[in-house]
Amino acid sequence: MEEDLVGDFQNYQQELQTVVIQKESLRLQSMEVAKAMEELQKTNQKTAFKITGNVMISKPVEEIKKDLEELKETIELKIKSLEKNEERINNKLRELQSKLKEVMK
């Protein structure tokens, strides 16, 4: 029983660590997208370059802005999903911690 609880606790800790790393990675992506959008707002150019795979393609600035907006929205949704998952895991860890304290008395 005790070993099972400890194993579960460790598994949830690892899962939490993975979620936190994913969330941080997405936040960095979001900041990069925001910076790119900011730079596009400053430009007077009608076209800009976008990297697609190993190729740099010239596209209308407005189209790139639209793509970046959609990407930012997608990233934000993923972050919210990970935050909910993080909260669920934290609740489970608290529950397991309480059970472990009871078993070890």
PDB file of N, CA and C in Angstrom:
ATOM      1  N   MET A   1       0.831  -1.210   0.000  1.00  0.00           N
ATOM      2  CA  MET A   1       0.000   0.000   0.000  1.00  0.00           C
ATOM      3  C   MET A   1       0.865   1.260   0.000  1.00  0.00           C
ATOM      4  N   GLU A   2       1.789   1.304   0.975  1.00  0.00           N
ATOM      5  CA  GLU A   2       2.649   2.479   1.099  1.00  0.00           C
ATOM      6  C   GLU A   2       3.525   2.655  -0.148  1.00  0.00           C
ATOM      7  N   GLU A   3       4.072   1.537  -0.655  1.00  0.00           N
ATOM      8  CA  GLU A   3       4.925   1.600  -1.848  1.00  0.00           C
ATOM      9  C   GLU A   3       4.125   2.080  -3.060  1.00  0.00           C
ATOM     10  N   ASP A   4       2.868   1.633  -3.146  1.00  0.00           N
ATOM     11  CA  ASP A   4       2.003   2.068  -4.250  1.00  0.00           C
ATOM     12  C   ASP A   4       1.773   3.573  -4.202  1.00  0.00           C
ATOM     13  N   LEU A   5       1.513   4.082  -2.982  1.00  0.00           N
ATOM     14  CA  LEU A   5       1.285   5.521  -2.829  1.00  0.00           C
ATOM     15  C   LEU A   5       2.534   6.315  -3.180  1.00  0.00           C
ATOM     16  N   VAL A   6       3.682   5.823  -2.734  1.00  0.00           N
ATOM     17  CA  VAL A   6       4.945   6.515  -3.036  1.00  0.00           C
ATOM     18  C   VAL A   6       5.196   6.498  -4.544  1.00  0.00           C
ATOM     19  N   GLY A   7       4.962   5.367  -5.182  1.00  0.00           N
ATOM     20  CA  GLY A   7       5.128   5.255  -6.630  1.00  0.00           C
ATOM     21  C   GLY A   7       4.211   6.196  -7.374  1.00  0.00           C
ATOM     22  N   ASP A   8       2.940   6.235  -6.960  1.00  0.00           N
ATOM     23  CA  ASP A   8       1.968   7.149  -7.583  1.00  0.00           C
ATOM     24  C   ASP A   8       2.407   8.601  -7.400  1.00  0.00           C
ATOM     25  N   PHE A   9       2.870   8.906  -6.180  1.00  0.00           N
ATOM     26  CA  PHE A   9       3.304  10.268  -5.875  1.00  0.00           C
ATOM     27  C   PHE A   9       4.458  10.672  -6.791  1.00  0.00           C
ATOM     28  N   GLN A  10       5.416   9.791  -6.952  1.00  0.00           N
ATOM     29  CA  GLN A  10       6.567  10.073  -7.816  1.00  0.00           C
ATOM     30  C   GLN A  10       6.140  10.231  -9.281  1.00  0.00           C
ATOM     31  N   ASN A  11       5.218   9.377  -9.712  1.00  0.00           N
ATOM     32  CA  ASN A  11       4.720   9.477 -11.097  1.00  0.00           C
ATOM     33  C   ASN A  11       4.035  10.820 -11.345  1.00  0.00           C
ATOM     34  N   TYR A  12       3.220  11.249 -10.378  1.00  0.00           N
ATOM     35  CA  TYR A  12       2.536  12.540 -10.531  1.00  0.00           C
ATOM     36  C   TYR A  12       3.531  13.702 -10.487  1.00  0.00           C
ATOM     37  N   GLN A  13       4.586  13.561  -9.683  1.00  0.00           N
ATOM     38  CA  GLN A  13       5.613  14.603  -9.645  1.00  0.00           C
ATOM     39  C   GLN A  13       6.298  14.730 -11.014  1.00  0.00           C
ATOM     40  N   GLN A  14       6.601  13.592 -11.619  1.00  0.00           N
ATOM     41  CA  GLN A  14       7.229  13.605 -12.941  1.00  0.00           C
ATOM     42  C   GLN A  14       6.282  14.202 -13.979  1.00  0.00           C
ATOM     43  N   GLU A  15       5.014  13.830 -13.883  1.00  0.00           N
ATOM     44  CA  GLU A  15       4.021  14.364 -14.820  1.00  0.00           C
ATOM     45  C   GLU A  15       3.906  15.879 -14.659  1.00  0.00           C
ATOM     46  N   LEU A  16       3.922  16.345 -13.412  1.00  0.00           N
ATOM     47  CA  LEU A  16       3.851  17.780 -13.141  1.00  0.00           C
ATOM     48  C   LEU A  16       5.063  18.500 -13.729  1.00  0.00           C
ATOM     49  N   GLN A  17       6.224  17.913 -13.560  1.00  0.00           N
ATOM     50  CA  GLN A  17       7.444  18.512 -14.105  1.00  0.00           C
ATOM     51  C   GLN A  17       7.355  18.622 -15.629  1.00  0.00           C
ATOM     52  N   THR A  18       6.844  17.597 -16.277  1.00  0.00           N
ATOM     53  CA  THR A  18       6.689  17.607 -17.734  1.00  0.00           C
ATOM     54  C   THR A  18       5.727  18.716 -18.163  1.00  0.00           C
ATOM     55  N   VAL A  19       4.618  18.847 -17.456  1.00  0.00           N
ATOM     56  CA  VAL A  19       3.621  19.872 -17.782  1.00  0.00           C
ATOM     57  C   VAL A  19       4.222  21.272 -17.619  1.00  0.00           C
ATOM     58  N   VAL A  20       4.970  21.474 -16.537  1.00  0.00           N
ATOM     59  CA  VAL A  20       5.572  22.787 -16.287  1.00  0.00           C
ATOM     60  C   VAL A  20       6.571  23.127 -17.393  1.00  0.00           C
ATOM     61  N   ILE A  21       7.363  22.161 -17.826  1.00  0.00           N
ATOM     62  CA  ILE A  21       8.339  22.386 -18.902  1.00  0.00           C
ATOM     63  C   ILE A  21       7.618  22.717 -20.211  1.00  0.00           C
ATOM     64  N   GLN A  22       6.558  21.974 -20.522  1.00  0.00           N
ATOM     65  CA  GLN A  22       5.791  22.237 -21.747  1.00  0.00           C
ATOM     66  C   GLN A  22       5.186  23.635 -21.708  1.00  0.00           C
ATOM     67  N   LYS A  23       4.646  24.000 -20.555  1.00  0.00           N
ATOM     68  CA  LYS A  23       4.012  25.311 -20.405  1.00  0.00           C
ATOM     69  C   LYS A  23       5.041  26.428 -20.591  1.00  0.00           C
ATOM     70  N   GLU A  24       6.212  26.256 -20.018  1.00  0.00           N
ATOM     71  CA  GLU A  24       7.270  27.265 -20.154  1.00  0.00           C
ATOM     72  C   GLU A  24       7.714  27.386 -21.607  1.00  0.00           C
ATOM     73  N   SER A  25       7.823  26.269 -22.294  1.00  0.00           N
ATOM     74  CA  SER A  25       8.201  26.274 -23.709  1.00  0.00           C
ATOM     75  C   SER A  25       7.167  27.041 -24.531  1.00  0.00           C
ATOM     76  N   LEU A  26       5.899  26.814 -24.248  1.00  0.00           N
ATOM     77  CA  LEU A  26       4.828  27.518 -24.963  1.00  0.00           C
ATOM     78  C   LEU A  26       4.840  29.012 -24.655  1.00  0.00           C
ATOM     79  N   ARG A  27       5.153  29.359 -23.409  1.00  0.00           N
ATOM     80  CA  ARG A  27       5.228  30.781 -23.057  1.00  0.00           C
ATOM     81  C   ARG A  27       6.345  31.473 -23.836  1.00  0.00           C
ATOM     82  N   LEU A  28       7.466  30.782 -23.992  1.00  0.00           N
ATOM     83  CA  LEU A  28       8.569  31.337 -24.776  1.00  0.00           C
ATOM     84  C   LEU A  28       8.147  31.526 -26.233  1.00  0.00           C
ATOM     85  N   GLN A  29       7.441  30.530 -26.780  1.00  0.00           N
ATOM     86  CA  GLN A  29       6.934  30.644 -28.159  1.00  0.00           C
ATOM     87  C   GLN A  29       5.987  31.840 -28.279  1.00  0.00           C
ATOM     88  N   SER A  30       5.143  31.999 -27.284  1.00  0.00           N
ATOM     89  CA  SER A  30       4.183  33.103 -27.289  1.00  0.00           C
ATOM     90  C   SER A  30       4.908  34.455 -27.284  1.00  0.00           C
ATOM     91  N   MET A  31       5.973  34.551 -26.509  1.00  0.00           N
ATOM     92  CA  MET A  31       6.750  35.798 -26.473  1.00  0.00           C
ATOM     93  C   MET A  31       7.425  36.055 -27.819  1.00  0.00           C
ATOM     94  N   GLU A  32       7.925  35.003 -28.461  1.00  0.00           N
ATOM     95  CA  GLU A  32       8.544  35.149 -29.783  1.00  0.00           C
ATOM     96  C   GLU A  32       7.519  35.619 -30.814  1.00  0.00           C
ATOM     97  N   VAL A  33       6.325  35.052 -30.764  1.00  0.00           N
ATOM     98  CA  VAL A  33       5.263  35.444 -31.688  1.00  0.00           C
ATOM     99  C   VAL A  33       4.883  36.909 -31.448  1.00  0.00           C
ATOM    100  N   ALA A  34       4.758  37.284 -30.173  1.00  0.00           N
ATOM    101  CA  ALA A  34       4.400  38.671 -29.840  1.00  0.00           C
ATOM    102  C   ALA A  34       5.466  39.636 -30.353  1.00  0.00           C
ATOM    103  N   LYS A  35       6.722  39.260 -30.219  1.00  0.00           N
ATOM    104  CA  LYS A  35       7.820  40.112 -30.701  1.00  0.00           C
ATOM    105  C   LYS A  35       7.766  40.245 -32.228  1.00  0.00           C
ATOM    106  N   ALA A  36       7.500  39.143 -32.913  1.00  0.00           N
ATOM    107  CA  ALA A  36       7.389  39.177 -34.374  1.00  0.00           C
ATOM    108  C   ALA A  36       6.213  40.064 -34.790  1.00  0.00           C
ATOM    109  N   MET A  37       5.094  39.958 -34.092  1.00  0.00           N
ATOM    110  CA  MET A  37       3.927  40.786 -34.406  1.00  0.00           C
ATOM    111  C   MET A  37       4.244  42.266 -34.186  1.00  0.00           C
ATOM    112  N   GLU A  38       4.966  42.548 -33.124  1.00  0.00           N
ATOM    113  CA  GLU A  38       5.363  43.924 -32.813  1.00  0.00           C
ATOM    114  C   GLU A  38       6.236  44.494 -33.937  1.00  0.00           C
ATOM    115  N   GLU A  39       7.179  43.698 -34.402  1.00  0.00           N
ATOM    116  CA  GLU A  39       8.049  44.153 -35.490  1.00  0.00           C
ATOM    117  C   GLU A  39       7.258  44.380 -36.779  1.00  0.00           C
ATOM    118  N   LEU A  40       6.290  43.524 -37.049  1.00  0.00           N
ATOM    119  CA  LEU A  40       5.469  43.696 -38.257  1.00  0.00           C
ATOM    120  C   LEU A  40       4.604  44.952 -38.168  1.00  0.00           C
ATOM    121  N   GLN A  41       4.192  45.312 -36.948  1.00  0.00           N
ATOM    122  CA  GLN A  41       3.390  46.526 -36.768  1.00  0.00           C
ATOM    123  C   GLN A  41       4.212  47.770 -37.120  1.00  0.00           C
ATOM    124  N   LYS A  42       5.518  47.717 -36.859  1.00  0.00           N
ATOM    125  CA  LYS A  42       6.392  48.872 -37.076  1.00  0.00           C
ATOM    126  C   LYS A  42       6.736  49.086 -38.556  1.00  0.00           C
ATOM    127  N   THR A  43       6.672  48.032 -39.338  1.00  0.00           N
ATOM    128  CA  THR A  43       7.163  48.118 -40.717  1.00  0.00           C
ATOM    129  C   THR A  43       6.177  48.801 -41.660  1.00  0.00           C
ATOM    130  N   ASN A  44       6.734  49.445 -42.670  1.00  0.00           N
ATOM    131  CA  ASN A  44       5.921  50.042 -43.730  1.00  0.00           C
ATOM    132  C   ASN A  44       5.927  49.168 -44.977  1.00  0.00           C
ATOM    133  N   GLN A  45       6.643  48.067 -44.906  1.00  0.00           N
ATOM    134  CA  GLN A  45       6.748  47.149 -46.036  1.00  0.00           C
ATOM    135  C   GLN A  45       5.398  46.477 -46.298  1.00  0.00           C
ATOM    136  N   LYS A  46       5.172  46.137 -47.537  1.00  0.00           N
ATOM    137  CA  LYS A  46       3.940  45.416 -47.907  1.00  0.00           C
ATOM    138  C   LYS A  46       4.131  43.906 -47.817  1.00  0.00           C
ATOM    139  N   THR A  47       5.401  43.474 -47.929  1.00  0.00           N
ATOM    140  CA  THR A  47       5.697  42.046 -47.828  1.00  0.00           C
ATOM    141  C   THR A  47       6.813  41.840 -46.805  1.00  0.00           C
ATOM    142  N   ALA A  48       6.877  40.628 -46.309  1.00  0.00           N
ATOM    143  CA  ALA A  48       7.940  40.235 -45.382  1.00  0.00           C
ATOM    144  C   ALA A  48       8.253  38.774 -45.670  1.00  0.00           C
ATOM    145  N   PHE A  49       9.327  38.305 -45.084  1.00  0.00           N
ATOM    146  CA  PHE A  49       9.711  36.919 -45.303  1.00  0.00           C
ATOM    147  C   PHE A  49       9.255  36.058 -44.145  1.00  0.00           C
ATOM    148  N   LYS A  50       8.797  34.864 -44.501  1.00  0.00           N
ATOM    149  CA  LYS A  50       8.356  33.885 -43.514  1.00  0.00           C
ATOM    150  C   LYS A  50       9.122  32.596 -43.797  1.00  0.00           C
ATOM    151  N   ILE A  51       9.652  32.001 -42.730  1.00  0.00           N
ATOM    152  CA  ILE A  51      10.376  30.748 -42.903  1.00  0.00           C
ATOM    153  C   ILE A  51       9.374  29.599 -42.833  1.00  0.00           C
ATOM    154  N   THR A  52       9.381  28.792 -43.886  1.00  0.00           N
ATOM    155  CA  THR A  52       8.522  27.615 -43.961  1.00  0.00           C
ATOM    156  C   THR A  52       9.426  26.421 -44.237  1.00  0.00           C
ATOM    157  N   GLY A  53       9.612  25.599 -43.220  1.00  0.00           N
ATOM    158  CA  GLY A  53      10.552  24.488 -43.373  1.00  0.00           C
ATOM    159  C   GLY A  53      11.951  25.033 -43.551  1.00  0.00           C
ATOM    160  N   ASN A  54      12.611  24.670 -44.627  1.00  0.00           N
ATOM    161  CA  ASN A  54      13.965  25.149 -44.917  1.00  0.00           C
ATOM    162  C   ASN A  54      13.975  26.280 -45.943  1.00  0.00           C
ATOM    163  N   VAL A  55      12.787  26.851 -46.224  1.00  0.00           N
ATOM    164  CA  VAL A  55      12.664  27.848 -47.276  1.00  0.00           C
ATOM    165  C   VAL A  55      12.135  29.156 -46.681  1.00  0.00           C
ATOM    166  N   MET A  56      12.667  30.262 -47.156  1.00  0.00           N
ATOM    167  CA  MET A  56      12.177  31.575 -46.772  1.00  0.00           C
ATOM    168  C   MET A  56      11.302  32.093 -47.907  1.00  0.00           C
ATOM    169  N   ILE A  57      10.054  32.433 -47.587  1.00  0.00           N
ATOM    170  CA  ILE A  57       9.079  32.822 -48.599  1.00  0.00           C
ATOM    171  C   ILE A  57       8.618  34.256 -48.341  1.00  0.00           C
ATOM    172  N   SER A  58       8.492  35.024 -49.412  1.00  0.00           N
ATOM    173  CA  SER A  58       7.964  36.378 -49.315  1.00  0.00           C
ATOM    174  C   SER A  58       6.436  36.296 -49.313  1.00  0.00           C
ATOM    175  N   LYS A  59       5.828  36.914 -48.289  1.00  0.00           N
ATOM    176  CA  LYS A  59       4.363  36.913 -48.175  1.00  0.00           C
ATOM    177  C   LYS A  59       3.901  38.314 -47.789  1.00  0.00           C
ATOM    178  N   PRO A  60       2.653  38.632 -48.088  1.00  0.00           N
ATOM    179  CA  PRO A  60       2.108  39.926 -47.651  1.00  0.00           C
ATOM    180  C   PRO A  60       2.144  40.028 -46.114  1.00  0.00           C
ATOM    181  N   VAL A  61       2.506  41.190 -45.618  1.00  0.00           N
ATOM    182  CA  VAL A  61       2.608  41.413 -44.176  1.00  0.00           C
ATOM    183  C   VAL A  61       1.283  41.100 -43.481  1.00  0.00           C
ATOM    184  N   GLU A  62       0.172  41.510 -44.070  1.00  0.00           N
ATOM    185  CA  GLU A  62      -1.134  41.270 -43.445  1.00  0.00           C
ATOM    186  C   GLU A  62      -1.415  39.774 -43.292  1.00  0.00           C
ATOM    187  N   GLU A  63      -0.996  38.992 -44.258  1.00  0.00           N
ATOM    188  CA  GLU A  63      -1.186  37.542 -44.189  1.00  0.00           C
ATOM    189  C   GLU A  63      -0.335  36.939 -43.069  1.00  0.00           C
ATOM    190  N   ILE A  64       0.888  37.436 -42.940  1.00  0.00           N
ATOM    191  CA  ILE A  64       1.772  36.945 -41.873  1.00  0.00           C
ATOM    192  C   ILE A  64       1.204  37.339 -40.510  1.00  0.00           C
ATOM    193  N   LYS A  65       0.687  38.553 -40.404  1.00  0.00           N
ATOM    194  CA  LYS A  65       0.075  38.996 -39.139  1.00  0.00           C
ATOM    195  C   LYS A  65      -1.082  38.077 -38.756  1.00  0.00           C
ATOM    196  N   LYS A  66      -1.913  37.742 -39.741  1.00  0.00           N
ATOM    197  CA  LYS A  66      -3.057  36.860 -39.500  1.00  0.00           C
ATOM    198  C   LYS A  66      -2.573  35.487 -39.025  1.00  0.00           C
ATOM    199  N   ASP A  67      -1.556  34.954 -39.696  1.00  0.00           N
ATOM    200  CA  ASP A  67      -0.996  33.656 -39.297  1.00  0.00           C
ATOM    201  C   ASP A  67      -0.458  33.701 -37.868  1.00  0.00           C
ATOM    202  N   LEU A  68       0.225  34.799 -37.542  1.00  0.00           N
ATOM    203  CA  LEU A  68       0.789  34.929 -36.197  1.00  0.00           C
ATOM    204  C   LEU A  68      -0.300  35.053 -35.136  1.00  0.00           C
ATOM    205  N   GLU A  69      -1.372  35.777 -35.462  1.00  0.00           N
ATOM    206  CA  GLU A  69      -2.510  35.893 -34.531  1.00  0.00           C
ATOM    207  C   GLU A  69      -3.100  34.513 -34.238  1.00  0.00           C
ATOM    208  N   GLU A  70      -3.294  33.728 -35.295  1.00  0.00           N
ATOM    209  CA  GLU A  70      -3.851  32.384 -35.125  1.00  0.00           C
ATOM    210  C   GLU A  70      -2.911  31.500 -34.305  1.00  0.00           C
ATOM    211  N   LEU A  71      -1.613  31.612 -34.572  1.00  0.00           N
ATOM    212  CA  LEU A  71      -0.634  30.838 -33.818  1.00  0.00           C
ATOM    213  C   LEU A  71      -0.651  31.236 -32.347  1.00  0.00           C
ATOM    214  N   LYS A  72      -0.724  32.525 -32.075  1.00  0.00           N
ATOM    215  CA  LYS A  72      -0.760  33.010 -30.688  1.00  0.00           C
ATOM    216  C   LYS A  72      -1.999  32.490 -29.966  1.00  0.00           C
ATOM    217  N   GLU A  73      -3.139  32.505 -30.638  1.00  0.00           N
ATOM    218  CA  GLU A  73      -4.376  31.986 -30.035  1.00  0.00           C
ATOM    219  C   GLU A  73      -4.236  30.494 -29.718  1.00  0.00           C
ATOM    220  N   THR A  74      -3.662  29.742 -30.647  1.00  0.00           N
ATOM    221  CA  THR A  74      -3.458  28.307 -30.443  1.00  0.00           C
ATOM    222  C   THR A  74      -2.548  28.061 -29.249  1.00  0.00           C
ATOM    223  N   ILE A  75      -1.473  28.828 -29.171  1.00  0.00           N
ATOM    224  CA  ILE A  75      -0.533  28.679 -28.057  1.00  0.00           C
ATOM    225  C   ILE A  75      -1.219  28.992 -26.738  1.00  0.00           C
ATOM    226  N   GLU A  76      -2.003  30.065 -26.703  1.00  0.00           N
ATOM    227  CA  GLU A  76      -2.702  30.450 -25.474  1.00  0.00           C
ATOM    228  C   GLU A  76      -3.683  29.363 -25.029  1.00  0.00           C
ATOM    229  N   LEU A  77      -4.382  28.744 -25.986  1.00  0.00           N
ATOM    230  CA  LEU A  77      -5.296  27.645 -25.646  1.00  0.00           C
ATOM    231  C   LEU A  77      -4.534  26.463 -25.052  1.00  0.00           C
ATOM    232  N   LYS A  78      -3.389  26.149 -25.639  1.00  0.00           N
ATOM    233  CA  LYS A  78      -2.577  25.046 -25.118  1.00  0.00           C
ATOM    234  C   LYS A  78      -2.083  25.355 -23.709  1.00  0.00           C
ATOM    235  N   ILE A  79      -1.689  26.598 -23.479  1.00  0.00           N
ATOM    236  CA  ILE A  79      -1.226  26.997 -22.140  1.00  0.00           C
ATOM    237  C   ILE A  79      -2.357  26.837 -21.124  1.00  0.00           C
ATOM    238  N   LYS A  80      -3.560  27.288 -21.483  1.00  0.00           N
ATOM    239  CA  LYS A  80      -4.703  27.155 -20.572  1.00  0.00           C
ATOM    240  C   LYS A  80      -4.990  25.687 -20.266  1.00  0.00           C
ATOM    241  N   SER A  81      -4.902  24.839 -21.274  1.00  0.00           N
ATOM    242  CA  SER A  81      -5.111  23.413 -21.084  1.00  0.00           C
ATOM    243  C   SER A  81      -4.061  22.837 -20.136  1.00  0.00           C
ATOM    244  N   LEU A  82      -2.813  23.233 -20.330  1.00  0.00           N
ATOM    245  CA  LEU A  82      -1.743  22.748 -19.452  1.00  0.00           C
ATOM    246  C   LEU A  82      -1.917  23.265 -18.028  1.00  0.00           C
ATOM    247  N   GLU A  83      -2.409  24.487 -17.877  1.00  0.00           N
ATOM    248  CA  GLU A  83      -2.648  25.029 -16.537  1.00  0.00           C
ATOM    249  C   GLU A  83      -3.723  24.228 -15.810  1.00  0.00           C
ATOM    250  N   LYS A  84      -4.773  23.846 -16.531  1.00  0.00           N
ATOM    251  CA  LYS A  84      -5.817  23.009 -15.925  1.00  0.00           C
ATOM    252  C   LYS A  84      -5.252  21.656 -15.529  1.00  0.00           C
ATOM    253  N   ASN A  85      -4.423  21.091 -16.403  1.00  0.00           N
ATOM    254  CA  ASN A  85      -3.786  19.811 -16.121  1.00  0.00           C
ATOM    255  C   ASN A  85      -2.861  19.939 -14.906  1.00  0.00           C
ATOM    256  N   GLU A  86      -2.117  21.038 -14.839  1.00  0.00           N
ATOM    257  CA  GLU A  86      -1.214  21.284 -13.711  1.00  0.00           C
ATOM    258  C   GLU A  86      -2.001  21.362 -12.399  1.00  0.00           C
ATOM    259  N   GLU A  87      -3.123  22.044 -12.434  1.00  0.00           N
ATOM    260  CA  GLU A  87      -3.969  22.164 -11.247  1.00  0.00           C
ATOM    261  C   GLU A  87      -4.497  20.791 -10.808  1.00  0.00           C
ATOM    262  N   ARG A  88      -4.929  19.996 -11.782  1.00  0.00           N
ATOM    263  CA  ARG A  88      -5.425  18.650 -11.478  1.00  0.00           C
ATOM    264  C   ARG A  88      -4.329  17.798 -10.830  1.00  0.00           C
ATOM    265  N   ILE A  89      -3.123  17.880 -11.382  1.00  0.00           N
ATOM    266  CA  ILE A  89      -2.000  17.090 -10.855  1.00  0.00           C
ATOM    267  C   ILE A  89      -1.639  17.572  -9.449  1.00  0.00           C
ATOM    268  N   ASN A  90      -1.621  18.878  -9.234  1.00  0.00           N
ATOM    269  CA  ASN A  90      -1.312  19.410  -7.904  1.00  0.00           C
ATOM    270  C   ASN A  90      -2.338  18.943  -6.877  1.00  0.00           C
ATOM    271  N   ASN A  91      -3.609  18.923  -7.260  1.00  0.00           N
ATOM    272  CA  ASN A  91      -4.646  18.437  -6.353  1.00  0.00           C
ATOM    273  C   ASN A  91      -4.422  16.967  -6.008  1.00  0.00           C
ATOM    274  N   LYS A  92      -4.076  16.181  -7.016  1.00  0.00           N
ATOM    275  CA  LYS A  92      -3.819  14.757  -6.792  1.00  0.00           C
ATOM    276  C   LYS A  92      -2.587  14.570  -5.902  1.00  0.00           C
ATOM    277  N   LEU A  93      -1.567  15.387  -6.103  1.00  0.00           N
ATOM    278  CA  LEU A  93      -0.366  15.294  -5.261  1.00  0.00           C
ATOM    279  C   LEU A  93      -0.687  15.633  -3.807  1.00  0.00           C
ATOM    280  N   ARG A  94      -1.507  16.648  -3.580  1.00  0.00           N
ATOM    281  CA  ARG A  94      -1.898  17.002  -2.212  1.00  0.00           C
ATOM    282  C   ARG A  94      -2.673  15.847  -1.568  1.00  0.00           C
ATOM    283  N   GLU A  95      -3.566  15.253  -2.351  1.00  0.00           N
ATOM    284  CA  GLU A  95      -4.351  14.120  -1.863  1.00  0.00           C
ATOM    285  C   GLU A  95      -3.435  12.946  -1.490  1.00  0.00           C
ATOM    286  N   LEU A  96      -2.499  12.637  -2.368  1.00  0.00           N
ATOM    287  CA  LEU A  96      -1.571  11.536  -2.097  1.00  0.00           C
ATOM    288  C   LEU A  96      -0.663  11.855  -0.914  1.00  0.00           C
ATOM    289  N   GLN A  97      -0.277  13.101  -0.778  1.00  0.00           N
ATOM    290  CA  GLN A  97       0.571  13.501   0.349  1.00  0.00           C
ATOM    291  C   GLN A  97      -0.170  13.284   1.669  1.00  0.00           C
ATOM    292  N   SER A  98      -1.448  13.640   1.703  1.00  0.00           N
ATOM    293  CA  SER A  98      -2.256  13.419   2.902  1.00  0.00           C
ATOM    294  C   SER A  98      -2.356  11.930   3.226  1.00  0.00           C
ATOM    295  N   LYS A  99      -2.594  11.125   2.202  1.00  0.00           N
ATOM    296  CA  LYS A  99      -2.683   9.674   2.403  1.00  0.00           C
ATOM    297  C   LYS A  99      -1.367   9.114   2.910  1.00  0.00           C
ATOM    298  N   LEU A 100      -0.263   9.583   2.352  1.00  0.00           N
ATOM    299  CA  LEU A 100       1.061   9.127   2.797  1.00  0.00           C
ATOM    300  C   LEU A 100       1.320   9.477   4.255  1.00  0.00           C
ATOM    301  N   LYS A 101       0.914  10.679   4.662  1.00  0.00           N
ATOM    302  CA  LYS A 101       1.080  11.087   6.063  1.00  0.00           C
ATOM    303  C   LYS A 101       0.286  10.179   6.989  1.00  0.00           C
ATOM    304  N   GLU A 102      -0.930   9.840   6.562  1.00  0.00           N
ATOM    305  CA  GLU A 102      -1.783   8.954   7.368  1.00  0.00           C
ATOM    306  C   GLU A 102      -1.160   7.568   7.484  1.00  0.00           C
ATOM    307  N   VAL A 103      -0.648   7.031   6.404  1.00  0.00           N
ATOM    308  CA  VAL A 103      -0.068   5.694   6.399  1.00  0.00           C
ATOM    309  C   VAL A 103       1.200   5.645   7.238  1.00  0.00           C
ATOM    310  N   MET A 104       1.958   6.719   7.257  1.00  0.00           N
ATOM    311  CA  MET A 104       3.240   6.725   7.962  1.00  0.00           C
ATOM    312  C   MET A 104       3.110   7.033   9.459  1.00  0.00           C
ATOM    313  N   LYS A 105       1.907   7.323   9.936  1.00  0.00           N
ATOM    314  CA  LYS A 105       1.712   7.597  11.372  1.00  0.00           C
ATOM    315  C   LYS A 105       1.900   6.350  12.199  1.00  0.00           C
TER     316      LYS A 105
END
